[in-house]
Amino acid sequence: MADYAMKLTTRYDGMVVATFPDLPGVSALGVDDEDARSEGLRALAAALAENGGAPRPVPEPA
């Protein structure tokens, strides 16, 4: 699997959001950094698996 950058952002309520700058719309939420990272990897895997039926190709990481 290619390496995609993951950005972790802590929300106002303490929850952590994992996003992928190269893949708009792919995100996950966790109770802490470790949980958000784990959930983010699941979201990334799901997004890459769905690429076969996606209307646009998944870009290569920057």
PDB file of N, CA and C in Angstrom:
ATOM      1  N   MET A   1       0.850  -1.174   0.000  1.00  0.00           N
ATOM      2  CA  MET A   1       0.000   0.000   0.000  1.00  0.00           C
ATOM      3  C   MET A   1       0.893   1.234   0.000  1.00  0.00           C
ATOM      4  N   ALA A   2       0.504   2.255  -0.743  1.00  0.00           N
ATOM      5  CA  ALA A   2       1.242   3.510  -0.781  1.00  0.00           C
ATOM      6  C   ALA A   2       1.126   4.226   0.563  1.00  0.00           C
ATOM      7  N   ASP A   3       2.050   5.114   0.827  1.00  0.00           N
ATOM      8  CA  ASP A   3       2.024   5.876   2.069  1.00  0.00           C
ATOM      9  C   ASP A   3       1.293   7.191   1.855  1.00  0.00           C
ATOM     10  N   TYR A   4       0.174   7.373   2.534  1.00  0.00           N
ATOM     11  CA  TYR A   4      -0.590   8.608   2.489  1.00  0.00           C
ATOM     12  C   TYR A   4      -0.401   9.336   3.809  1.00  0.00           C
ATOM     13  N   ALA A   5      -0.222  10.647   3.739  1.00  0.00           N
ATOM     14  CA  ALA A   5      -0.081  11.449   4.947  1.00  0.00           C
ATOM     15  C   ALA A   5      -1.411  11.475   5.697  1.00  0.00           C
ATOM     16  N   MET A   6      -1.323  11.349   7.026  1.00  0.00           N
ATOM     17  CA  MET A   6      -2.500  11.420   7.874  1.00  0.00           C
ATOM     18  C   MET A   6      -2.324  12.627   8.798  1.00  0.00           C
ATOM     19  N   LYS A   7      -3.365  13.435   8.904  1.00  0.00           N
ATOM     20  CA  LYS A   7      -3.343  14.596   9.785  1.00  0.00           C
ATOM     21  C   LYS A   7      -4.293  14.328  10.947  1.00  0.00           C
ATOM     22  N   LEU A   8      -3.815  14.502  12.172  1.00  0.00           N
ATOM     23  CA  LEU A   8      -4.639  14.345  13.364  1.00  0.00           C
ATOM     24  C   LEU A   8      -4.953  15.723  13.930  1.00  0.00           C
ATOM     25  N   THR A   9      -6.229  15.976  14.176  1.00  0.00           N
ATOM     26  CA  THR A   9      -6.676  17.258  14.709  1.00  0.00           C
ATOM     27  C   THR A   9      -7.577  17.002  15.903  1.00  0.00           C
ATOM     28  N   THR A  10      -7.276  17.646  17.022  1.00  0.00           N
ATOM     29  CA  THR A  10      -8.109  17.506  18.213  1.00  0.00           C
ATOM     30  C   THR A  10      -9.238  18.523  18.145  1.00  0.00           C
ATOM     31  N   ARG A  11     -10.458  18.020  18.298  1.00  0.00           N
ATOM     32  CA  ARG A  11     -11.645  18.883  18.270  1.00  0.00           C
ATOM     33  C   ARG A  11     -11.845  19.571  19.617  1.00  0.00           C
ATOM     34  N   TYR A  12     -12.794  20.490  19.644  1.00  0.00           N
ATOM     35  CA  TYR A  12     -13.134  21.228  20.858  1.00  0.00           C
ATOM     36  C   TYR A  12     -13.569  20.324  22.006  1.00  0.00           C
ATOM     37  N   ASP A  13     -14.121  19.152  21.678  1.00  0.00           N
ATOM     38  CA  ASP A  13     -14.635  18.243  22.704  1.00  0.00           C
ATOM     39  C   ASP A  13     -13.624  17.165  23.102  1.00  0.00           C
ATOM     40  N   GLY A  14     -12.408  17.272  22.592  1.00  0.00           N
ATOM     41  CA  GLY A  14     -11.366  16.320  22.935  1.00  0.00           C
ATOM     42  C   GLY A  14     -11.254  15.133  21.992  1.00  0.00           C
ATOM     43  N   MET A  15     -12.241  14.919  21.129  1.00  0.00           N
ATOM     44  CA  MET A  15     -12.166  13.849  20.140  1.00  0.00           C
ATOM     45  C   MET A  15     -11.114  14.217  19.096  1.00  0.00           C
ATOM     46  N   VAL A  16     -10.537  13.212  18.461  1.00  0.00           N
ATOM     47  CA  VAL A  16      -9.469  13.439  17.481  1.00  0.00           C
ATOM     48  C   VAL A  16      -9.949  12.978  16.107  1.00  0.00           C
ATOM     49  N   VAL A  17      -9.762  13.832  15.113  1.00  0.00           N
ATOM     50  CA  VAL A  17     -10.155  13.529  13.738  1.00  0.00           C
ATOM     51  C   VAL A  17      -8.905  13.214  12.925  1.00  0.00           C
ATOM     52  N   ALA A  18      -8.941  12.103  12.208  1.00  0.00           N
ATOM     53  CA  ALA A  18      -7.866  11.739  11.286  1.00  0.00           C
ATOM     54  C   ALA A  18      -8.347  12.035   9.870  1.00  0.00           C
ATOM     55  N   THR A  19      -7.571  12.808   9.132  1.00  0.00           N
ATOM     56  CA  THR A  19      -7.897  13.112   7.739  1.00  0.00           C
ATOM     57  C   THR A  19      -6.675  12.835   6.870  1.00  0.00           C
ATOM     58  N   PHE A  20      -6.911  12.755   5.571  1.00  0.00           N
ATOM     59  CA  PHE A  20      -5.854  12.483   4.604  1.00  0.00           C
ATOM     60  C   PHE A  20      -5.863  13.603   3.572  1.00  0.00           C
ATOM     61  N   PRO A  21      -4.853  14.493   3.596  1.00  0.00           N
ATOM     62  CA  PRO A  21      -4.829  15.630   2.665  1.00  0.00           C
ATOM     63  C   PRO A  21      -4.934  15.223   1.189  1.00  0.00           C
ATOM     64  N   ASP A  22      -4.389  14.062   0.823  1.00  0.00           N
ATOM     65  CA  ASP A  22      -4.433  13.614  -0.572  1.00  0.00           C
ATOM     66  C   ASP A  22      -5.765  12.971  -0.946  1.00  0.00           C
ATOM     67  N   LEU A  23      -6.606  12.692   0.046  1.00  0.00           N
ATOM     68  CA  LEU A  23      -7.883  12.011  -0.202  1.00  0.00           C
ATOM     69  C   LEU A  23      -9.020  12.765   0.476  1.00  0.00           C
ATOM     70  N   PRO A  24      -9.476  13.857  -0.114  1.00  0.00           N
ATOM     71  CA  PRO A  24     -10.573  14.613   0.486  1.00  0.00           C
ATOM     72  C   PRO A  24     -11.786  13.715   0.738  1.00  0.00           C
ATOM     73  N   GLY A  25     -12.389  13.879   1.878  1.00  0.00           N
ATOM     74  CA  GLY A  25     -13.577  13.099   2.212  1.00  0.00           C
ATOM     75  C   GLY A  25     -13.284  11.832   2.992  1.00  0.00           C
ATOM     76  N   VAL A  26     -12.032  11.431   3.074  1.00  0.00           N
ATOM     77  CA  VAL A  26     -11.674  10.246   3.853  1.00  0.00           C
ATOM     78  C   VAL A  26     -11.242  10.730   5.235  1.00  0.00           C
ATOM     79  N   SER A  27     -12.012  10.346   6.249  1.00  0.00           N
ATOM     80  CA  SER A  27     -11.701  10.774   7.611  1.00  0.00           C
ATOM     81  C   SER A  27     -12.236   9.755   8.600  1.00  0.00           C
ATOM     82  N   ALA A  28     -11.773   9.893   9.843  1.00  0.00           N
ATOM     83  CA  ALA A  28     -12.224   9.001  10.912  1.00  0.00           C
ATOM     84  C   ALA A  28     -12.120   9.752  12.227  1.00  0.00           C
ATOM     85  N   LEU A  29     -12.862   9.291  13.203  1.00  0.00           N
ATOM     86  CA  LEU A  29     -12.921   9.932  14.502  1.00  0.00           C
ATOM     87  C   LEU A  29     -12.491   8.956  15.577  1.00  0.00           C
ATOM     88  N   GLY A  30     -11.733   9.432  16.555  1.00  0.00           N
ATOM     89  CA  GLY A  30     -11.289   8.582  17.655  1.00  0.00           C
ATOM     90  C   GLY A  30     -11.319   9.332  18.974  1.00  0.00           C
ATOM     91  N   VAL A  31     -11.245   8.590  20.069  1.00  0.00           N
ATOM     92  CA  VAL A  31     -11.266   9.203  21.395  1.00  0.00           C
ATOM     93  C   VAL A  31      -9.902   9.778  21.779  1.00  0.00           C
ATOM     94  N   ASP A  32      -8.834   9.318  21.113  1.00  0.00           N
ATOM     95  CA  ASP A  32      -7.489   9.833  21.336  1.00  0.00           C
ATOM     96  C   ASP A  32      -6.687   9.626  20.051  1.00  0.00           C
ATOM     97  N   ASP A  33      -5.418  10.044  20.062  1.00  0.00           N
ATOM     98  CA  ASP A  33      -4.593   9.939  18.849  1.00  0.00           C
ATOM     99  C   ASP A  33      -4.486   8.502  18.358  1.00  0.00           C
ATOM    100  N   GLU A  34      -4.239   7.584  19.273  1.00  0.00           N
ATOM    101  CA  GLU A  34      -4.071   6.177  18.881  1.00  0.00           C
ATOM    102  C   GLU A  34      -5.341   5.620  18.248  1.00  0.00           C
ATOM    103  N   ASP A  35      -6.479   5.914  18.838  1.00  0.00           N
ATOM    104  CA  ASP A  35      -7.758   5.431  18.307  1.00  0.00           C
ATOM    105  C   ASP A  35      -8.051   6.072  16.948  1.00  0.00           C
ATOM    106  N   ALA A  36      -7.807   7.378  16.826  1.00  0.00           N
ATOM    107  CA  ALA A  36      -8.044   8.062  15.552  1.00  0.00           C
ATOM    108  C   ALA A  36      -7.130   7.521  14.466  1.00  0.00           C
ATOM    109  N   ARG A  37      -5.880   7.239  14.818  1.00  0.00           N
ATOM    110  CA  ARG A  37      -4.930   6.677  13.845  1.00  0.00           C
ATOM    111  C   ARG A  37      -5.409   5.315  13.359  1.00  0.00           C
ATOM    112  N   SER A  38      -5.848   4.480  14.290  1.00  0.00           N
ATOM    113  CA  SER A  38      -6.338   3.149  13.941  1.00  0.00           C
ATOM    114  C   SER A  38      -7.582   3.230  13.053  1.00  0.00           C
ATOM    115  N   GLU A  39      -8.519   4.071  13.452  1.00  0.00           N
ATOM    116  CA  GLU A  39      -9.746   4.236  12.663  1.00  0.00           C
ATOM    117  C   GLU A  39      -9.436   4.878  11.309  1.00  0.00           C
ATOM    118  N   GLY A  40      -8.455   5.776  11.283  1.00  0.00           N
ATOM    119  CA  GLY A  40      -8.056   6.402  10.025  1.00  0.00           C
ATOM    120  C   GLY A  40      -7.496   5.385   9.042  1.00  0.00           C
ATOM    121  N   LEU A  41      -6.697   4.452   9.537  1.00  0.00           N
ATOM    122  CA  LEU A  41      -6.158   3.406   8.670  1.00  0.00           C
ATOM    123  C   LEU A  41      -7.271   2.525   8.112  1.00  0.00           C
ATOM    124  N   ARG A  42      -8.291   2.263   8.933  1.00  0.00           N
ATOM    125  CA  ARG A  42      -9.455   1.492   8.425  1.00  0.00           C
ATOM    126  C   ARG A  42     -10.189   2.276   7.340  1.00  0.00           C
ATOM    127  N   ALA A  43     -10.367   3.576   7.570  1.00  0.00           N
ATOM    128  CA  ALA A  43     -11.052   4.408   6.574  1.00  0.00           C
ATOM    129  C   ALA A  43     -10.248   4.471   5.277  1.00  0.00           C
ATOM    130  N   LEU A  44      -8.925   4.571   5.400  1.00  0.00           N
ATOM    131  CA  LEU A  44      -8.065   4.591   4.213  1.00  0.00           C
ATOM    132  C   LEU A  44      -8.178   3.284   3.447  1.00  0.00           C
ATOM    133  N   ALA A  45      -8.113   2.161   4.152  1.00  0.00           N
ATOM    134  CA  ALA A  45      -8.224   0.858   3.493  1.00  0.00           C
ATOM    135  C   ALA A  45      -9.561   0.726   2.779  1.00  0.00           C
ATOM    136  N   ALA A  46     -10.632   1.181   3.420  1.00  0.00           N
ATOM    137  CA  ALA A  46     -11.959   1.107   2.798  1.00  0.00           C
ATOM    138  C   ALA A  46     -12.035   1.992   1.557  1.00  0.00           C
ATOM    139  N   ALA A  47     -11.459   3.189   1.631  1.00  0.00           N
ATOM    140  CA  ALA A  47     -11.485   4.101   0.478  1.00  0.00           C
ATOM    141  C   ALA A  47     -10.697   3.523  -0.689  1.00  0.00           C
ATOM    142  N   LEU A  48      -9.551   2.924  -0.395  1.00  0.00           N
ATOM    143  CA  LEU A  48      -8.745   2.343  -1.471  1.00  0.00           C
ATOM    144  C   LEU A  48      -9.432   1.110  -2.054  1.00  0.00           C
ATOM    145  N   ALA A  49     -10.128   0.326  -1.232  1.00  0.00           N
ATOM    146  CA  ALA A  49     -10.841  -0.859  -1.710  1.00  0.00           C
ATOM    147  C   ALA A  49     -12.015  -0.470  -2.592  1.00  0.00           C
ATOM    148  N   GLU A  50     -12.647   0.665  -2.300  1.00  0.00           N
ATOM    149  CA  GLU A  50     -13.804   1.121  -3.071  1.00  0.00           C
ATOM    150  C   GLU A  50     -13.402   1.767  -4.380  1.00  0.00           C
ATOM    151  N   ASN A  51     -12.130   1.993  -4.592  1.00  0.00           N
ATOM    152  CA  ASN A  51     -11.675   2.713  -5.777  1.00  0.00           C
ATOM    153  C   ASN A  51     -12.148   2.068  -7.073  1.00  0.00           C
ATOM    154  N   GLY A  52     -12.314   0.759  -7.093  1.00  0.00           N
ATOM    155  CA  GLY A  52     -12.764   0.081  -8.311  1.00  0.00           C
ATOM    156  C   GLY A  52     -14.077   0.624  -8.836  1.00  0.00           C
ATOM    157  N   GLY A  53     -14.962   1.043  -7.947  1.00  0.00           N
ATOM    158  CA  GLY A  53     -16.258   1.568  -8.361  1.00  0.00           C
ATOM    159  C   GLY A  53     -16.372   3.062  -8.200  1.00  0.00           C
ATOM    160  N   ALA A  54     -15.276   3.719  -7.826  1.00  0.00           N
ATOM    161  CA  ALA A  54     -15.314   5.160  -7.588  1.00  0.00           C
ATOM    162  C   ALA A  54     -15.393   5.926  -8.904  1.00  0.00           C
ATOM    163  N   PRO A  55     -16.048   7.071  -8.894  1.00  0.00           N
ATOM    164  CA  PRO A  55     -16.157   7.873 -10.113  1.00  0.00           C
ATOM    165  C   PRO A  55     -14.834   8.518 -10.518  1.00  0.00           C
ATOM    166  N   ARG A  56     -13.892   8.608  -9.580  1.00  0.00           N
ATOM    167  CA  ARG A  56     -12.586   9.189  -9.910  1.00  0.00           C
ATOM    168  C   ARG A  56     -11.497   8.320  -9.296  1.00  0.00           C
ATOM    169  N   PRO A  57     -10.347   8.266  -9.913  1.00  0.00           N
ATOM    170  CA  PRO A  57      -9.254   7.428  -9.382  1.00  0.00           C
ATOM    171  C   PRO A  57      -8.690   8.021  -8.096  1.00  0.00           C
ATOM    172  N   VAL A  58      -8.170   7.166  -7.248  1.00  0.00           N
ATOM    173  CA  VAL A  58      -7.494   7.605  -6.038  1.00  0.00           C
ATOM    174  C   VAL A  58      -6.130   8.125  -6.447  1.00  0.00           C
ATOM    175  N   PRO A  59      -5.780   9.364  -6.032  1.00  0.00           N
ATOM    176  CA  PRO A  59      -4.477   9.907  -6.435  1.00  0.00           C
ATOM    177  C   PRO A  59      -3.323   9.235  -5.709  1.00  0.00           C
ATOM    178  N   GLU A  60      -2.184   9.266  -6.333  1.00  0.00           N
ATOM    179  CA  GLU A  60      -0.959   8.806  -5.676  1.00  0.00           C
ATOM    180  C   GLU A  60      -0.637   9.817  -4.585  1.00  0.00           C
ATOM    181  N   PRO A  61      -0.019   9.367  -3.498  1.00  0.00           N
ATOM    182  CA  PRO A  61       0.331  10.318  -2.448  1.00  0.00           C
ATOM    183  C   PRO A  61       1.352  11.334  -2.925  1.00  0.00           C
ATOM    184  N   ALA A  62       1.266  12.520  -2.352  1.00  0.00           N
ATOM    185  CA  ALA A  62       2.188  13.604  -2.747  1.00  0.00           C
ATOM    186  C   ALA A  62       3.552  13.408  -2.127  1.00  0.00           C
TER     187      ALA A  62
END
